[in-house]
Structure formats: C-alpha cells, structure tokens
Amino acid sequence: MNNTTKGTAEFLRFLITHAAIGVAGAVAMVGLCLATDFLNLWTLVSSSDAGPLAVAVMTVFFAITFASVQMGFAIMLRAEDNGPPRAKMFRLVPARVTPREGMVAATARASARKNR
C-alpha cells in the first residue's frame, strides 16, 4: 500500500466510525422518545397499523441526520489551522459616538410617552 491509499483507508475508517456513532445516537434517541412516550408518540405508534413502518422511517431519518452531524463535527474538530488566531489579526477599536441634540430630544419624548 502506498501513502495515498493508506491515508484514504484511514480516512474512510474515520468516517465510518463516526457514522456508526451517529447511528447509535439516533437509535438511542428514537428509543428514548418511544420509551418516554414523548408527545404521545408511543401511543400513536402502538395504536396504528403503520406504526412499525413509521418507527422504521423515523429511525432511518434520524440515523441519516445524526450520522451526518457526527461526521461533520469530527471533521471540523480534526482541522489544522497553522495561521495566527483571528482575534490577533485585527485590532478592534471602539468607535466614539456623541449624541446629537435631535436624538436626545427624540429619546426624551419617546420615554415621556412611555411613562404616561
């Protein structure tokens, strides 16, 4: 195996591992929602003929969402940034603001109307 193939295999293993973590989280979340009868979900599912299908569809959609979020989160945390921190790149200087007479009078009128 050359370095490119080895790196690709490691990255795919990384993605599959985090996708599995996301799927496990999704299954746990669906189980928790059903076990606690969240929003009467278990009551609805158990009283309907299409209940098992609804649970399967919800589990698949949760799995897709949770796995995608987990993989994206893992990839974002893995990023390497060798540049200077952005806070040090720009120096923030507060702007000096002086109120104008018209603004002060308008604020006083608005405050007087509010206190009536």
Protein backbone atom coordinates (compact mmCIF):
# COMPACT_ATOMS: atom_id res chain seq x y z
CA MET A 1 0.00 0.00 0.00
CA ASN A 2 1.29 3.43 -0.88
CA ASN A 3 0.77 6.51 1.30
CA THR A 4 -2.26 7.79 -0.64
CA THR A 5 -4.11 4.50 -0.36
CA LYS A 6 -3.20 4.17 3.30
CA GLY A 7 -4.37 7.72 4.03
CA THR A 8 -7.64 7.12 2.17
CA ALA A 9 -8.26 3.90 4.09
CA GLU A 10 -7.63 5.65 7.41
CA PHE A 11 -9.96 8.49 6.47
CA LEU A 12 -12.73 6.09 5.40
CA ARG A 13 -12.34 4.19 8.66
CA PHE A 14 -12.55 7.51 10.50
CA LEU A 15 -15.78 8.44 8.67
CA ILE A 16 -17.39 5.01 9.12
CA THR A 17 -16.55 5.01 12.83
CA HIS A 18 -18.15 8.41 13.35
CA ALA A 19 -21.14 7.49 11.18
CA ALA A 20 -21.68 4.44 13.40
CA ILE A 21 -21.52 6.66 16.49
CA GLY A 22 -24.17 8.91 14.93
CA VAL A 23 -26.41 5.95 14.06
CA ALA A 24 -26.10 4.63 17.62
CA GLY A 25 -27.10 8.06 18.92
CA ALA A 26 -30.09 8.13 16.57
CA VAL A 27 -31.28 4.70 17.67
CA ALA A 28 -30.89 5.73 21.30
CA MET A 29 -32.84 8.95 20.66
CA VAL A 30 -35.72 7.13 18.93
CA GLY A 31 -35.78 4.56 21.74
CA LEU A 32 -35.83 7.33 24.33
CA CYS A 33 -38.65 9.14 22.54
CA LEU A 34 -40.71 5.95 22.41
CA ALA A 35 -39.88 4.86 25.96
CA THR A 36 -40.90 8.20 27.49
CA ASP A 37 -43.96 8.49 25.22
CA PHE A 38 -42.68 11.89 24.07
CA LEU A 39 -45.58 13.84 22.53
CA ASN A 40 -47.68 10.64 22.81
CA LEU A 41 -45.52 9.06 20.13
CA TRP A 42 -45.64 5.54 21.58
CA THR A 43 -49.42 5.78 21.96
CA LEU A 44 -49.76 6.82 18.33
CA VAL A 45 -47.36 4.16 17.03
CA SER A 46 -48.82 1.33 19.08
CA SER A 47 -52.40 2.10 18.08
CA SER A 48 -51.74 2.31 14.34
CA ASP A 49 -51.29 -0.47 11.79
CA ALA A 50 -48.49 1.52 10.14
CA GLY A 51 -46.74 2.11 13.48
CA PRO A 52 -43.71 -0.14 12.86
CA LEU A 53 -43.19 1.45 9.44
CA ALA A 54 -43.36 4.92 10.97
CA VAL A 55 -40.78 3.93 13.61
CA ALA A 56 -38.51 2.46 10.91
CA VAL A 57 -38.76 5.60 8.75
CA MET A 58 -38.16 7.86 11.74
CA THR A 59 -35.15 5.77 12.78
CA VAL A 60 -33.64 5.90 9.28
CA PHE A 61 -34.11 9.68 9.01
CA PHE A 62 -32.70 10.23 12.50
CA ALA A 63 -29.77 7.96 11.60
CA ILE A 64 -29.00 9.91 8.43
CA THR A 65 -29.17 13.22 10.31
CA PHE A 66 -27.22 12.16 13.40
CA ALA A 67 -24.53 10.35 11.36
CA SER A 68 -24.06 13.37 9.10
CA VAL A 69 -23.80 15.74 12.04
CA GLN A 70 -21.35 13.45 13.87
CA MET A 71 -19.13 13.07 10.79
CA GLY A 72 -19.16 16.83 10.13
CA PHE A 73 -18.40 17.58 13.76
CA ALA A 74 -15.49 15.11 13.78
CA ILE A 75 -14.07 16.52 10.55
CA MET A 76 -14.32 20.11 11.82
CA LEU A 77 -12.52 19.19 15.04
CA ARG A 78 -9.78 17.49 13.05
CA ALA A 79 -8.90 20.57 11.01
CA GLU A 80 -5.45 22.02 11.46
CA ASP A 81 -5.02 25.78 11.41
CA ASN A 82 -1.41 26.91 11.48
CA GLY A 83 -2.18 30.59 10.99
CA PRO A 84 -2.35 33.21 13.71
CA PRO A 85 -5.57 33.38 15.72
CA ARG A 86 -8.06 35.67 14.04
CA ALA A 87 -8.54 37.76 17.15
CA LYS A 88 -4.91 38.87 16.94
CA MET A 89 -5.07 39.63 13.22
CA PHE A 90 -7.44 42.55 13.64
CA ARG A 91 -7.34 45.11 16.37
CA LEU A 92 -10.81 46.20 17.37
CA VAL A 93 -11.09 49.84 18.32
CA PRO A 94 -14.31 51.14 19.85
CA ALA A 95 -15.98 53.93 17.91
CA ARG A 96 -16.65 57.19 19.69
CA VAL A 97 -20.29 58.18 19.43
CA THR A 98 -21.64 61.51 20.60
CA PRO A 99 -25.41 62.03 20.69
CA ARG A 100 -26.85 64.83 18.63
CA GLU A 101 -29.38 67.25 20.08
CA GLY A 102 -32.22 65.99 17.93
CA MET A 103 -31.60 62.41 19.00
CA VAL A 104 -31.58 63.33 22.69
CA ALA A 105 -34.86 65.21 22.34
CA ALA A 106 -36.49 62.33 20.43
CA THR A 107 -35.38 59.85 23.06
CA ALA A 108 -36.78 62.07 25.84
CA ARG A 109 -40.14 62.39 24.02
CA ALA A 110 -40.37 58.63 23.48
CA SER A 111 -39.56 57.96 27.11
CA ALA A 112 -42.16 60.55 28.24
CA ARG A 113 -44.84 58.88 26.08
CA LYS A 114 -43.96 55.50 27.52
CA ASN A 115 -44.33 56.72 31.12
CA ARG A 116 -47.86 58.14 30.63
